[in-house]
Amino acid sequence: MRLEQIYQEYKDHADFYLIYLKEAHAIDSRRPSRTVQIAQHKTFEERQAAAASCAETLAFTMPILIDDIDNTVGDAFSGHPDRLFILHPDGTISYRGDHGPHGFDVEEMRSALKQLVDAE
């Protein structure tokens, strides 16, 4: 099940945010993507434009927050290249997925979210 589908299923029970981080495989990096041609952002405005393009291309409707150009959120949560989290309303981390791409397990996150919602 895709992340957008889970958002649609649970958006009335939880707040969802996609946090757009620095590019994992920018064209000017050591391991550039063969499919996405985006240079590493040098300004916050470049990151905003890339996030908007990502949301449009992937048809995301969930809210998107954008990490600052110093990568404060990505560094604090070890979110690079991608990672899934569920934060409990008390501020604790209820679910921390492994680093992507191999640890980016949307179904595992969905199961953890379902358990939390069912426990309400």
PDB file of N, CA and C in Angstrom:
ATOM      1  N   MET A   1       0.848  -1.181   0.000  1.00  0.00           N
ATOM      2  CA  MET A   1       0.000   0.000   0.000  1.00  0.00           C
ATOM      3  C   MET A   1       0.891   1.242   0.000  1.00  0.00           C
ATOM      4  N   ARG A   2       0.543   2.176  -0.789  1.00  0.00           N
ATOM      5  CA  ARG A   2       1.352   3.385  -0.926  1.00  0.00           C
ATOM      6  C   ARG A   2       1.086   4.378   0.204  1.00  0.00           C
ATOM      7  N   LEU A   3       2.037   5.250   0.441  1.00  0.00           N
ATOM      8  CA  LEU A   3       1.952   6.235   1.510  1.00  0.00           C
ATOM      9  C   LEU A   3       0.729   7.145   1.352  1.00  0.00           C
ATOM     10  N   GLU A   4       0.443   7.584   0.159  1.00  0.00           N
ATOM     11  CA  GLU A   4      -0.718   8.443  -0.069  1.00  0.00           C
ATOM     12  C   GLU A   4      -2.018   7.717   0.292  1.00  0.00           C
ATOM     13  N   GLN A   5      -2.099   6.441   0.004  1.00  0.00           N
ATOM     14  CA  GLN A   5      -3.298   5.669   0.350  1.00  0.00           C
ATOM     15  C   GLN A   5      -3.469   5.578   1.861  1.00  0.00           C
ATOM     16  N   ILE A   6      -2.378   5.413   2.583  1.00  0.00           N
ATOM     17  CA  ILE A   6      -2.443   5.348   4.038  1.00  0.00           C
ATOM     18  C   ILE A   6      -2.865   6.708   4.590  1.00  0.00           C
ATOM     19  N   TYR A   7      -2.341   7.756   4.010  1.00  0.00           N
ATOM     20  CA  TYR A   7      -2.766   9.103   4.408  1.00  0.00           C
ATOM     21  C   TYR A   7      -4.274   9.250   4.240  1.00  0.00           C
ATOM     22  N   GLN A   8      -4.805   8.853   3.110  1.00  0.00           N
ATOM     23  CA  GLN A   8      -6.240   8.963   2.869  1.00  0.00           C
ATOM     24  C   GLN A   8      -7.038   8.117   3.862  1.00  0.00           C
ATOM     25  N   GLU A   9      -6.513   6.951   4.197  1.00  0.00           N
ATOM     26  CA  GLU A   9      -7.202   6.042   5.110  1.00  0.00           C
ATOM     27  C   GLU A   9      -7.220   6.561   6.553  1.00  0.00           C
ATOM     28  N   TYR A  10      -6.137   7.199   6.990  1.00  0.00           N
ATOM     29  CA  TYR A  10      -5.981   7.560   8.403  1.00  0.00           C
ATOM     30  C   TYR A  10      -5.955   9.062   8.680  1.00  0.00           C
ATOM     31  N   LYS A  11      -6.146   9.901   7.691  1.00  0.00           N
ATOM     32  CA  LYS A  11      -5.996  11.346   7.909  1.00  0.00           C
ATOM     33  C   LYS A  11      -6.981  11.922   8.915  1.00  0.00           C
ATOM     34  N   ASP A  12      -8.084  11.242   9.163  1.00  0.00           N
ATOM     35  CA  ASP A  12      -9.033  11.707  10.167  1.00  0.00           C
ATOM     36  C   ASP A  12      -8.659  11.245  11.573  1.00  0.00           C
ATOM     37  N   HIS A  13      -7.625  10.405  11.685  1.00  0.00           N
ATOM     38  CA  HIS A  13      -7.191   9.871  12.971  1.00  0.00           C
ATOM     39  C   HIS A  13      -5.794  10.339  13.376  1.00  0.00           C
ATOM     40  N   ALA A  14      -5.052  10.881  12.435  1.00  0.00           N
ATOM     41  CA  ALA A  14      -3.664  11.266  12.718  1.00  0.00           C
ATOM     42  C   ALA A  14      -3.269  12.421  11.801  1.00  0.00           C
ATOM     43  N   ASP A  15      -2.316  13.213  12.250  1.00  0.00           N
ATOM     44  CA  ASP A  15      -1.750  14.269  11.407  1.00  0.00           C
ATOM     45  C   ASP A  15      -0.588  13.672  10.627  1.00  0.00           C
ATOM     46  N   PHE A  16      -0.555  13.926   9.349  1.00  0.00           N
ATOM     47  CA  PHE A  16       0.495  13.416   8.478  1.00  0.00           C
ATOM     48  C   PHE A  16       1.296  14.588   7.910  1.00  0.00           C
ATOM     49  N   TYR A  17       2.588  14.404   7.843  1.00  0.00           N
ATOM     50  CA  TYR A  17       3.454  15.380   7.195  1.00  0.00           C
ATOM     51  C   TYR A  17       4.565  14.652   6.463  1.00  0.00           C
ATOM     52  N   LEU A  18       4.752  15.003   5.238  1.00  0.00           N
ATOM     53  CA  LEU A  18       5.916  14.555   4.495  1.00  0.00           C
ATOM     54  C   LEU A  18       6.944  15.665   4.674  1.00  0.00           C
ATOM     55  N   ILE A  19       8.119  15.334   5.130  1.00  0.00           N
ATOM     56  CA  ILE A  19       9.158  16.347   5.306  1.00  0.00           C
ATOM     57  C   ILE A  19      10.163  16.173   4.179  1.00  0.00           C
ATOM     58  N   TYR A  20      10.243  17.184   3.353  1.00  0.00           N
ATOM     59  CA  TYR A  20      11.132  17.135   2.196  1.00  0.00           C
ATOM     60  C   TYR A  20      12.539  17.494   2.653  1.00  0.00           C
ATOM     61  N   LEU A  21      13.479  16.568   2.435  1.00  0.00           N
ATOM     62  CA  LEU A  21      14.869  16.719   2.864  1.00  0.00           C
ATOM     63  C   LEU A  21      15.773  17.015   1.678  1.00  0.00           C
ATOM     64  N   LYS A  22      17.065  17.056   1.952  1.00  0.00           N
ATOM     65  CA  LYS A  22      18.024  17.218   0.866  1.00  0.00           C
ATOM     66  C   LYS A  22      17.922  16.036  -0.092  1.00  0.00           C
ATOM     67  N   GLU A  23      18.368  16.239  -1.302  1.00  0.00           N
ATOM     68  CA  GLU A  23      18.291  15.190  -2.322  1.00  0.00           C
ATOM     69  C   GLU A  23      19.246  14.045  -1.998  1.00  0.00           C
ATOM     70  N   ALA A  24      18.718  12.839  -2.016  1.00  0.00           N
ATOM     71  CA  ALA A  24      19.547  11.661  -1.740  1.00  0.00           C
ATOM     72  C   ALA A  24      20.448  11.322  -2.922  1.00  0.00           C
ATOM     73  N   HIS A  25      19.952  11.545  -4.129  1.00  0.00           N
ATOM     74  CA  HIS A  25      20.706  11.168  -5.331  1.00  0.00           C
ATOM     75  C   HIS A  25      20.695  12.314  -6.335  1.00  0.00           C
ATOM     76  N   ALA A  26      21.156  13.466  -5.859  1.00  0.00           N
ATOM     77  CA  ALA A  26      21.224  14.637  -6.730  1.00  0.00           C
ATOM     78  C   ALA A  26      22.171  14.374  -7.899  1.00  0.00           C
ATOM     79  N   ILE A  27      21.917  15.050  -9.015  1.00  0.00           N
ATOM     80  CA  ILE A  27      22.752  14.822 -10.202  1.00  0.00           C
ATOM     81  C   ILE A  27      24.198  15.252  -9.985  1.00  0.00           C
ATOM     82  N   ASP A  28      24.432  16.117  -8.998  1.00  0.00           N
ATOM     83  CA  ASP A  28      25.793  16.563  -8.704  1.00  0.00           C
ATOM     84  C   ASP A  28      26.375  15.853  -7.475  1.00  0.00           C
ATOM     85  N   SER A  29      25.861  14.648  -7.181  1.00  0.00           N
ATOM     86  CA  SER A  29      26.355  13.870  -6.037  1.00  0.00           C
ATOM     87  C   SER A  29      27.179  12.678  -6.515  1.00  0.00           C
ATOM     88  N   ARG A  30      27.725  11.934  -5.554  1.00  0.00           N
ATOM     89  CA  ARG A  30      28.515  10.743  -5.884  1.00  0.00           C
ATOM     90  C   ARG A  30      27.662   9.640  -6.478  1.00  0.00           C
ATOM     91  N   ARG A  31      26.379   9.583  -6.111  1.00  0.00           N
ATOM     92  CA  ARG A  31      25.487   8.522  -6.593  1.00  0.00           C
ATOM     93  C   ARG A  31      24.231   9.143  -7.190  1.00  0.00           C
ATOM     94  N   PRO A  32      24.346   9.753  -8.361  1.00  0.00           N
ATOM     95  CA  PRO A  32      23.177  10.414  -8.951  1.00  0.00           C
ATOM     96  C   PRO A  32      22.096   9.424  -9.389  1.00  0.00           C
ATOM     97  N   SER A  33      20.868   9.894  -9.324  1.00  0.00           N
ATOM     98  CA  SER A  33      19.734   9.102  -9.784  1.00  0.00           C
ATOM     99  C   SER A  33      19.774   9.011 -11.301  1.00  0.00           C
ATOM    100  N   ARG A  34      19.312   7.891 -11.805  1.00  0.00           N
ATOM    101  CA  ARG A  34      19.197   7.752 -13.259  1.00  0.00           C
ATOM    102  C   ARG A  34      17.848   8.245 -13.757  1.00  0.00           C
ATOM    103  N   THR A  35      16.909   8.445 -12.831  1.00  0.00           N
ATOM    104  CA  THR A  35      15.559   8.814 -13.251  1.00  0.00           C
ATOM    105  C   THR A  35      15.163  10.234 -12.878  1.00  0.00           C
ATOM    106  N   VAL A  36      15.628  10.737 -11.735  1.00  0.00           N
ATOM    107  CA  VAL A  36      15.264  12.080 -11.285  1.00  0.00           C
ATOM    108  C   VAL A  36      16.464  12.992 -11.453  1.00  0.00           C
ATOM    109  N   GLN A  37      16.287  14.046 -12.184  1.00  0.00           N
ATOM    110  CA  GLN A  37      17.395  14.947 -12.498  1.00  0.00           C
ATOM    111  C   GLN A  37      17.279  16.252 -11.714  1.00  0.00           C
ATOM    112  N   ILE A  38      17.682  16.202 -10.434  1.00  0.00           N
ATOM    113  CA  ILE A  38      17.628  17.375  -9.567  1.00  0.00           C
ATOM    114  C   ILE A  38      19.001  17.572  -8.946  1.00  0.00           C
ATOM    115  N   ALA A  39      19.503  18.800  -9.041  1.00  0.00           N
ATOM    116  CA  ALA A  39      20.776  19.132  -8.396  1.00  0.00           C
ATOM    117  C   ALA A  39      20.525  19.364  -6.905  1.00  0.00           C
ATOM    118  N   GLN A  40      21.586  19.182  -6.096  1.00  0.00           N
ATOM    119  CA  GLN A  40      21.452  19.453  -4.668  1.00  0.00           C
ATOM    120  C   GLN A  40      21.057  20.912  -4.470  1.00  0.00           C
ATOM    121  N   HIS A  41      20.113  21.148  -3.603  1.00  0.00           N
ATOM    122  CA  HIS A  41      19.593  22.497  -3.370  1.00  0.00           C
ATOM    123  C   HIS A  41      20.662  23.359  -2.722  1.00  0.00           C
ATOM    124  N   LYS A  42      20.825  24.546  -3.246  1.00  0.00           N
ATOM    125  CA  LYS A  42      21.763  25.500  -2.661  1.00  0.00           C
ATOM    126  C   LYS A  42      21.024  26.589  -1.887  1.00  0.00           C
ATOM    127  N   THR A  43      19.734  26.733  -2.156  1.00  0.00           N
ATOM    128  CA  THR A  43      18.916  27.716  -1.442  1.00  0.00           C
ATOM    129  C   THR A  43      17.612  27.051  -0.990  1.00  0.00           C
ATOM    130  N   PHE A  44      16.970  27.675  -0.019  1.00  0.00           N
ATOM    131  CA  PHE A  44      15.688  27.164   0.442  1.00  0.00           C
ATOM    132  C   PHE A  44      14.649  27.242  -0.668  1.00  0.00           C
ATOM    133  N   GLU A  45      14.737  28.263  -1.495  1.00  0.00           N
ATOM    134  CA  GLU A  45      13.795  28.414  -2.608  1.00  0.00           C
ATOM    135  C   GLU A  45      13.924  27.266  -3.608  1.00  0.00           C
ATOM    136  N   GLU A  46      15.155  26.823  -3.862  1.00  0.00           N
ATOM    137  CA  GLU A  46      15.356  25.662  -4.736  1.00  0.00           C
ATOM    138  C   GLU A  46      14.737  24.409  -4.117  1.00  0.00           C
ATOM    139  N   ARG A  47      14.876  24.269  -2.805  1.00  0.00           N
ATOM    140  CA  ARG A  47      14.295  23.113  -2.122  1.00  0.00           C
ATOM    141  C   ARG A  47      12.771  23.179  -2.177  1.00  0.00           C
ATOM    142  N   GLN A  48      12.208  24.365  -2.018  1.00  0.00           N
ATOM    143  CA  GLN A  48      10.759  24.532  -2.115  1.00  0.00           C
ATOM    144  C   GLN A  48      10.255  24.125  -3.500  1.00  0.00           C
ATOM    145  N   ALA A  49      10.956  24.559  -4.528  1.00  0.00           N
ATOM    146  CA  ALA A  49      10.554  24.229  -5.893  1.00  0.00           C
ATOM    147  C   ALA A  49      10.635  22.723  -6.138  1.00  0.00           C
ATOM    148  N   ALA A  50      11.680  22.085  -5.637  1.00  0.00           N
ATOM    149  CA  ALA A  50      11.819  20.637  -5.800  1.00  0.00           C
ATOM    150  C   ALA A  50      10.716  19.900  -5.046  1.00  0.00           C
ATOM    151  N   ALA A  51      10.367  20.372  -3.857  1.00  0.00           N
ATOM    152  CA  ALA A  51       9.294  19.746  -3.075  1.00  0.00           C
ATOM    153  C   ALA A  51       7.957  19.875  -3.805  1.00  0.00           C
ATOM    154  N   ALA A  52       7.704  21.028  -4.379  1.00  0.00           N
ATOM    155  CA  ALA A  52       6.452  21.227  -5.127  1.00  0.00           C
ATOM    156  C   ALA A  52       6.405  20.309  -6.341  1.00  0.00           C
ATOM    157  N   SER A  53       7.517  20.174  -7.022  1.00  0.00           N
ATOM    158  CA  SER A  53       7.588  19.283  -8.179  1.00  0.00           C
ATOM    159  C   SER A  53       7.361  17.828  -7.756  1.00  0.00           C
ATOM    160  N   CYS A  54       7.957  17.434  -6.655  1.00  0.00           N
ATOM    161  CA  CYS A  54       7.789  16.078  -6.119  1.00  0.00           C
ATOM    162  C   CYS A  54       6.324  15.815  -5.795  1.00  0.00           C
ATOM    163  N   ALA A  55       5.695  16.737  -5.098  1.00  0.00           N
ATOM    164  CA  ALA A  55       4.286  16.563  -4.712  1.00  0.00           C
ATOM    165  C   ALA A  55       3.398  16.428  -5.939  1.00  0.00           C
ATOM    166  N   GLU A  56       3.672  17.244  -6.939  1.00  0.00           N
ATOM    167  CA  GLU A  56       2.864  17.183  -8.165  1.00  0.00           C
ATOM    168  C   GLU A  56       3.106  15.879  -8.920  1.00  0.00           C
ATOM    169  N   THR A  57       4.351  15.507  -9.085  1.00  0.00           N
ATOM    170  CA  THR A  57       4.696  14.296  -9.828  1.00  0.00           C
ATOM    171  C   THR A  57       4.128  13.042  -9.173  1.00  0.00           C
ATOM    172  N   LEU A  58       4.202  12.986  -7.841  1.00  0.00           N
ATOM    173  CA  LEU A  58       3.754  11.799  -7.115  1.00  0.00           C
ATOM    174  C   LEU A  58       2.290  11.892  -6.677  1.00  0.00           C
ATOM    175  N   ALA A  59       1.636  12.995  -6.994  1.00  0.00           N
ATOM    176  CA  ALA A  59       0.219  13.211  -6.652  1.00  0.00           C
ATOM    177  C   ALA A  59      -0.028  13.101  -5.150  1.00  0.00           C
ATOM    178  N   PHE A  60       0.870  13.683  -4.352  1.00  0.00           N
ATOM    179  CA  PHE A  60       0.692  13.713  -2.905  1.00  0.00           C
ATOM    180  C   PHE A  60      -0.283  14.813  -2.540  1.00  0.00           C
ATOM    181  N   THR A  61      -1.225  14.495  -1.668  1.00  0.00           N
ATOM    182  CA  THR A  61      -2.127  15.519  -1.155  1.00  0.00           C
ATOM    183  C   THR A  61      -1.853  15.809   0.318  1.00  0.00           C
ATOM    184  N   MET A  62      -1.033  14.987   0.962  1.00  0.00           N
ATOM    185  CA  MET A  62      -0.724  15.244   2.364  1.00  0.00           C
ATOM    186  C   MET A  62       0.139  16.500   2.472  1.00  0.00           C
ATOM    187  N   PRO A  63       0.068  17.184   3.614  1.00  0.00           N
ATOM    188  CA  PRO A  63       0.881  18.388   3.785  1.00  0.00           C
ATOM    189  C   PRO A  63       2.377  18.069   3.704  1.00  0.00           C
ATOM    190  N   ILE A  64       3.115  18.987   3.099  1.00  0.00           N
ATOM    191  CA  ILE A  64       4.559  18.818   2.976  1.00  0.00           C
ATOM    192  C   ILE A  64       5.249  19.946   3.728  1.00  0.00           C
ATOM    193  N   LEU A  65       6.143  19.558   4.612  1.00  0.00           N
ATOM    194  CA  LEU A  65       7.010  20.509   5.298  1.00  0.00           C
ATOM    195  C   LEU A  65       8.378  20.395   4.643  1.00  0.00           C
ATOM    196  N   ILE A  66       9.121  21.476   4.644  1.00  0.00           N
ATOM    197  CA  ILE A  66      10.412  21.482   3.952  1.00  0.00           C
ATOM    198  C   ILE A  66      11.516  21.756   4.965  1.00  0.00           C
ATOM    199  N   ASP A  67      12.470  20.842   5.022  1.00  0.00           N
ATOM    200  CA  ASP A  67      13.605  21.007   5.924  1.00  0.00           C
ATOM    201  C   ASP A  67      14.400  22.237   5.504  1.00  0.00           C
ATOM    202  N   ASP A  68      15.027  22.891   6.480  1.00  0.00           N
ATOM    203  CA  ASP A  68      15.825  24.074   6.148  1.00  0.00           C
ATOM    204  C   ASP A  68      17.072  23.667   5.361  1.00  0.00           C
ATOM    205  N   ILE A  69      17.734  24.622   4.814  1.00  0.00           N
ATOM    206  CA  ILE A  69      18.877  24.356   3.938  1.00  0.00           C
ATOM    207  C   ILE A  69      20.057  23.760   4.719  1.00  0.00           C
ATOM    208  N   ASP A  70      20.038  23.887   6.058  1.00  0.00           N
ATOM    209  CA  ASP A  70      21.073  23.279   6.892  1.00  0.00           C
ATOM    210  C   ASP A  70      20.725  21.837   7.277  1.00  0.00           C
ATOM    211  N   ASN A  71      19.578  21.342   6.805  1.00  0.00           N
ATOM    212  CA  ASN A  71      19.142  19.955   7.024  1.00  0.00           C
ATOM    213  C   ASN A  71      18.933  19.609   8.496  1.00  0.00           C
ATOM    214  N   THR A  72      18.393  20.554   9.247  1.00  0.00           N
ATOM    215  CA  THR A  72      18.214  20.393  10.688  1.00  0.00           C
ATOM    216  C   THR A  72      17.346  19.190  11.039  1.00  0.00           C
ATOM    217  N   VAL A  73      16.205  19.041  10.401  1.00  0.00           N
ATOM    218  CA  VAL A  73      15.294  17.936  10.712  1.00  0.00           C
ATOM    219  C   VAL A  73      15.880  16.606  10.241  1.00  0.00           C
ATOM    220  N   GLY A  74      16.373  16.576   9.025  1.00  0.00           N
ATOM    221  CA  GLY A  74      16.958  15.341   8.499  1.00  0.00           C
ATOM    222  C   GLY A  74      18.093  14.831   9.365  1.00  0.00           C
ATOM    223  N   ASP A  75      18.951  15.743   9.831  1.00  0.00           N
ATOM    224  CA  ASP A  75      20.067  15.340  10.687  1.00  0.00           C
ATOM    225  C   ASP A  75      19.582  14.891  12.066  1.00  0.00           C
ATOM    226  N   ALA A  76      18.619  15.599  12.635  1.00  0.00           N
ATOM    227  CA  ALA A  76      18.118  15.270  13.976  1.00  0.00           C
ATOM    228  C   ALA A  76      17.447  13.904  14.012  1.00  0.00           C
ATOM    229  N   PHE A  77      16.757  13.541  12.947  1.00  0.00           N
ATOM    230  CA  PHE A  77      16.023  12.282  12.923  1.00  0.00           C
ATOM    231  C   PHE A  77      16.703  11.206  12.081  1.00  0.00           C
ATOM    232  N   SER A  78      17.908  11.459  11.606  1.00  0.00           N
ATOM    233  CA  SER A  78      18.585  10.518  10.707  1.00  0.00           C
ATOM    234  C   SER A  78      17.656  10.131   9.574  1.00  0.00           C
ATOM    235  N   GLY A  79      17.029  11.133   8.979  1.00  0.00           N
ATOM    236  CA  GLY A  79      16.014  10.897   7.972  1.00  0.00           C
ATOM    237  C   GLY A  79      16.515  10.703   6.560  1.00  0.00           C
ATOM    238  N   HIS A  80      17.776  10.939   6.320  1.00  0.00           N
ATOM    239  CA  HIS A  80      18.316  10.868   4.960  1.00  0.00           C
ATOM    240  C   HIS A  80      18.756   9.442   4.660  1.00  0.00           C
ATOM    241  N   PRO A  81      18.416   8.818   3.559  1.00  0.00           N
ATOM    242  CA  PRO A  81      17.709   9.403   2.423  1.00  0.00           C
ATOM    243  C   PRO A  81      16.197   9.444   2.608  1.00  0.00           C
ATOM    244  N   ASP A  82      15.623   8.473   3.296  1.00  0.00           N
ATOM    245  CA  ASP A  82      14.203   8.529   3.607  1.00  0.00           C
ATOM    246  C   ASP A  82      13.919   7.604   4.780  1.00  0.00           C
ATOM    247  N   ARG A  83      12.881   7.952   5.516  1.00  0.00           N
ATOM    248  CA  ARG A  83      12.561   7.193   6.716  1.00  0.00           C
ATOM    249  C   ARG A  83      11.133   7.508   7.124  1.00  0.00           C
ATOM    250  N   LEU A  84      10.483   6.555   7.769  1.00  0.00           N
ATOM    251  CA  LEU A  84       9.114   6.729   8.238  1.00  0.00           C
ATOM    252  C   LEU A  84       9.084   6.789   9.764  1.00  0.00           C
ATOM    253  N   PHE A  85       8.312   7.725  10.295  1.00  0.00           N
ATOM    254  CA  PHE A  85       8.147   7.869  11.742  1.00  0.00           C
ATOM    255  C   PHE A  85       6.675   8.023  12.080  1.00  0.00           C
ATOM    256  N   ILE A  86       6.306   7.565  13.274  1.00  0.00           N
ATOM    257  CA  ILE A  86       5.028   7.901  13.872  1.00  0.00           C
ATOM    258  C   ILE A  86       5.353   8.503  15.232  1.00  0.00           C
ATOM    259  N   LEU A  87       4.893   9.723  15.437  1.00  0.00           N
ATOM    260  CA  LEU A  87       5.085  10.390  16.718  1.00  0.00           C
ATOM    261  C   LEU A  87       3.788  10.316  17.504  1.00  0.00           C
ATOM    262  N   HIS A  88       3.877   9.890  18.741  1.00  0.00           N
ATOM    263  CA  HIS A  88       2.719   9.819  19.627  1.00  0.00           C
ATOM    264  C   HIS A  88       2.355  11.244  20.041  1.00  0.00           C
ATOM    265  N   PRO A  89       1.093  11.507  20.349  1.00  0.00           N
ATOM    266  CA  PRO A  89       0.717  12.858  20.784  1.00  0.00           C
ATOM    267  C   PRO A  89       1.517  13.369  21.986  1.00  0.00           C
ATOM    268  N   ASP A  90       2.064  12.470  22.809  1.00  0.00           N
ATOM    269  CA  ASP A  90       2.866  12.926  23.953  1.00  0.00           C
ATOM    270  C   ASP A  90       4.293  13.300  23.554  1.00  0.00           C
ATOM    271  N   GLY A  91       4.611  13.186  22.256  1.00  0.00           N
ATOM    272  CA  GLY A  91       5.912  13.602  21.756  1.00  0.00           C
ATOM    273  C   GLY A  91       6.921  12.483  21.607  1.00  0.00           C
ATOM    274  N   THR A  92       6.600  11.288  22.070  1.00  0.00           N
ATOM    275  CA  THR A  92       7.525  10.171  21.927  1.00  0.00           C
ATOM    276  C   THR A  92       7.408   9.546  20.539  1.00  0.00           C
ATOM    277  N   ILE A  93       8.450   8.874  20.130  1.00  0.00           N
ATOM    278  CA  ILE A  93       8.434   8.187  18.843  1.00  0.00           C
ATOM    279  C   ILE A  93       7.808   6.816  19.042  1.00  0.00           C
ATOM    280  N   SER A  94       6.666   6.584  18.391  1.00  0.00           N
ATOM    281  CA  SER A  94       5.964   5.305  18.498  1.00  0.00           C
ATOM    282  C   SER A  94       6.460   4.301  17.471  1.00  0.00           C
ATOM    283  N   TYR A  95       6.925   4.800  16.359  1.00  0.00           N
ATOM    284  CA  TYR A  95       7.426   3.923  15.298  1.00  0.00           C
ATOM    285  C   TYR A  95       8.563   4.640  14.600  1.00  0.00           C
ATOM    286  N   ARG A  96       9.656   3.919  14.412  1.00  0.00           N
ATOM    287  CA  ARG A  96      10.808   4.428  13.660  1.00  0.00           C
ATOM    288  C   ARG A  96      11.184   3.351  12.655  1.00  0.00           C
ATOM    289  N   GLY A  97      10.925   3.642  11.391  1.00  0.00           N
ATOM    290  CA  GLY A  97      11.311   2.707  10.351  1.00  0.00           C
ATOM    291  C   GLY A  97      12.812   2.739  10.134  1.00  0.00           C
ATOM    292  N   ASP A  98      13.314   1.732   9.480  1.00  0.00           N
ATOM    293  CA  ASP A  98      14.731   1.705   9.139  1.00  0.00           C
ATOM    294  C   ASP A  98      15.004   2.673   7.996  1.00  0.00           C
ATOM    295  N   HIS A  99      16.277   2.932   7.787  1.00  0.00           N
ATOM    296  CA  HIS A  99      16.678   3.819   6.693  1.00  0.00           C
ATOM    297  C   HIS A  99      16.248   3.245   5.353  1.00  0.00           C
ATOM    298  N   GLY A 100      15.808   4.132   4.475  1.00  0.00           N
ATOM    299  CA  GLY A 100      15.446   3.729   3.131  1.00  0.00           C
ATOM    300  C   GLY A 100      16.677   3.570   2.270  1.00  0.00           C
ATOM    301  N   PRO A 101      16.522   3.019   1.128  1.00  0.00           N
ATOM    302  CA  PRO A 101      15.239   2.606   0.575  1.00  0.00           C
ATOM    303  C   PRO A 101      14.774   1.237   1.073  1.00  0.00           C
ATOM    304  N   HIS A 102      15.683   0.393   1.528  1.00  0.00           N
ATOM    305  CA  HIS A 102      15.288  -0.966   1.913  1.00  0.00           C
ATOM    306  C   HIS A 102      14.451  -0.991   3.182  1.00  0.00           C
ATOM    307  N   GLY A 103      14.681  -0.065   4.098  1.00  0.00           N
ATOM    308  CA  GLY A 103      13.930  -0.024   5.343  1.00  0.00           C
ATOM    309  C   GLY A 103      12.666   0.804   5.269  1.00  0.00           C
ATOM    310  N   PHE A 104      12.379   1.367   4.111  1.00  0.00           N
ATOM    311  CA  PHE A 104      11.182   2.194   3.909  1.00  0.00           C
ATOM    312  C   PHE A 104      10.012   1.256   3.676  1.00  0.00           C
ATOM    313  N   ASP A 105       9.432   0.777   4.773  1.00  0.00           N
ATOM    314  CA  ASP A 105       8.395  -0.250   4.720  1.00  0.00           C
ATOM    315  C   ASP A 105       7.052   0.377   5.099  1.00  0.00           C
ATOM    316  N   VAL A 106       6.324   0.804   4.103  1.00  0.00           N
ATOM    317  CA  VAL A 106       5.063   1.505   4.311  1.00  0.00           C
ATOM    318  C   VAL A 106       4.041   0.596   4.985  1.00  0.00           C
ATOM    319  N   GLU A 107       4.020  -0.661   4.627  1.00  0.00           N
ATOM    320  CA  GLU A 107       3.063  -1.587   5.254  1.00  0.00           C
ATOM    321  C   GLU A 107       3.362  -1.798   6.735  1.00  0.00           C
ATOM    322  N   GLU A 108       4.622  -1.868   7.084  1.00  0.00           N
ATOM    323  CA  GLU A 108       4.994  -1.997   8.490  1.00  0.00           C
ATOM    324  C   GLU A 108       4.539  -0.766   9.273  1.00  0.00           C
ATOM    325  N   MET A 109       4.748   0.421   8.689  1.00  0.00           N
ATOM    326  CA  MET A 109       4.305   1.649   9.339  1.00  0.00           C
ATOM    327  C   MET A 109       2.784   1.669   9.467  1.00  0.00           C
ATOM    328  N   ARG A 110       2.091   1.228   8.430  1.00  0.00           N
ATOM    329  CA  ARG A 110       0.631   1.189   8.466  1.00  0.00           C
ATOM    330  C   ARG A 110       0.142   0.297   9.599  1.00  0.00           C
ATOM    331  N   SER A 111       0.775  -0.849   9.804  1.00  0.00           N
ATOM    332  CA  SER A 111       0.394  -1.756  10.893  1.00  0.00           C
ATOM    333  C   SER A 111       0.593  -1.089  12.254  1.00  0.00           C
ATOM    334  N   ALA A 112       1.695  -0.393  12.422  1.00  0.00           N
ATOM    335  CA  ALA A 112       1.950   0.313  13.685  1.00  0.00           C
ATOM    336  C   ALA A 112       0.916   1.415  13.902  1.00  0.00           C
ATOM    337  N   LEU A 113       0.575   2.129  12.845  1.00  0.00           N
ATOM    338  CA  LEU A 113      -0.431   3.191  12.936  1.00  0.00           C
ATOM    339  C   LEU A 113      -1.796   2.608  13.282  1.00  0.00           C
ATOM    340  N   LYS A 114      -2.134   1.498  12.651  1.00  0.00           N
ATOM    341  CA  LYS A 114      -3.428   0.848  12.928  1.00  0.00           C
ATOM    342  C   LYS A 114      -3.521   0.452  14.396  1.00  0.00           C
ATOM    343  N   GLN A 115      -2.449  -0.091  14.945  1.00  0.00           N
ATOM    344  CA  GLN A 115      -2.451  -0.470  16.361  1.00  0.00           C
ATOM    345  C   GLN A 115      -2.694   0.739  17.258  1.00  0.00           C
ATOM    346  N   LEU A 116      -2.071   1.855  16.940  1.00  0.00           N
ATOM    347  CA  LEU A 116      -2.257   3.064  17.744  1.00  0.00           C
ATOM    348  C   LEU A 116      -3.683   3.586  17.651  1.00  0.00           C
ATOM    349  N   VAL A 117      -4.215   3.614  16.438  1.00  0.00           N
ATOM    350  CA  VAL A 117      -5.571   4.111  16.232  1.00  0.00           C
ATOM    351  C   VAL A 117      -6.578   3.190  16.902  1.00  0.00           C
ATOM    352  N   ASP A 118      -6.385   1.882  16.780  1.00  0.00           N
ATOM    353  CA  ASP A 118      -7.301   0.920  17.383  1.00  0.00           C
ATOM    354  C   ASP A 118      -7.278   0.997  18.907  1.00  0.00           C
ATOM    355  N   ALA A 119      -6.150   1.449  19.481  1.00  0.00           N
ATOM    356  CA  ALA A 119      -6.012   1.526  20.934  1.00  0.00           C
ATOM    357  C   ALA A 119      -6.696   2.778  21.497  1.00  0.00           C
ATOM    358  N   GLU A 120      -7.097   3.696  20.641  1.00  0.00           N
ATOM    359  CA  GLU A 120      -7.724   4.950  21.109  1.00  0.00           C
ATOM    360  C   GLU A 120      -9.007   4.694  21.835  1.00  0.00           C
TER     361      GLU A 120
END
